[in-house]
């Protein structure tokens, strides 16, 4: 079995910062150059050789299901519904599919668009417990998920950390051991009073500080983007318009 052979896509949120575009559809179904963001993701994963995908849904899960059916992928895709999506952040989505972390696995944010070569680079790097895909740029804003690295190791990750030199693109790889540690960390966090309000990357930060081997994979020079605000849709349309078929 090649490693990893499963990808989990976290796509439960509505994306209210993108209203009115997301009034009746989750942001993963916004069209970019004639294809939904989710379609771009699934086709890229399939082209990289991933065997199956699991999508965590929430808002308009029916629309996500219909989109998956329409794509006629050769890669099997399963859906898992997060009934807590209106009152929780994405750590709860990871908890919903905690049973899927029983092997080497990829985790992808539902609002990350990535171009050719990104998944392949992440899949080709040397194995570690957890690998966080990063990019670097001259400056970072308040909404970036910032990362502090030391050599190839991740030392801290979070939007409000004071020292940083990169950002997470929302695409991770777990070894079997790392996936088990992460699933246990998610379960522990959700037993705390603030658990439902935690990002899953805060669990990665805690694991890194506890001695788990968390490393980074840089995709500097490759194309990607995140969709949070209306201007992002404009930029991602421009980016994807130049791409060939996956």
Foldseek 3Di string as FASTA:
>chain_A
DAFPQEEEEEFAEQQVQAPPVSVQHRQQQDDFQRGGVVLLVVQQCVVLPRQAYEYEYHRPVVVVVVNVVVNPDPRYYHYFYQPCRVPFACLSSCLSVLVVLQFKYKYAYSFKRFAPPPVNQQSPDDDFQKEFEKEFDDDDDQPFFFFADDVFFTQATGSPDDDGGITGRGMMIGGSNSSNQLSVLSVVLCVDPCSRHDDSVVSVRVCSVVPGGYGYGYPYPTDMFGDNHPVRSVVSSVVCNPGDRD
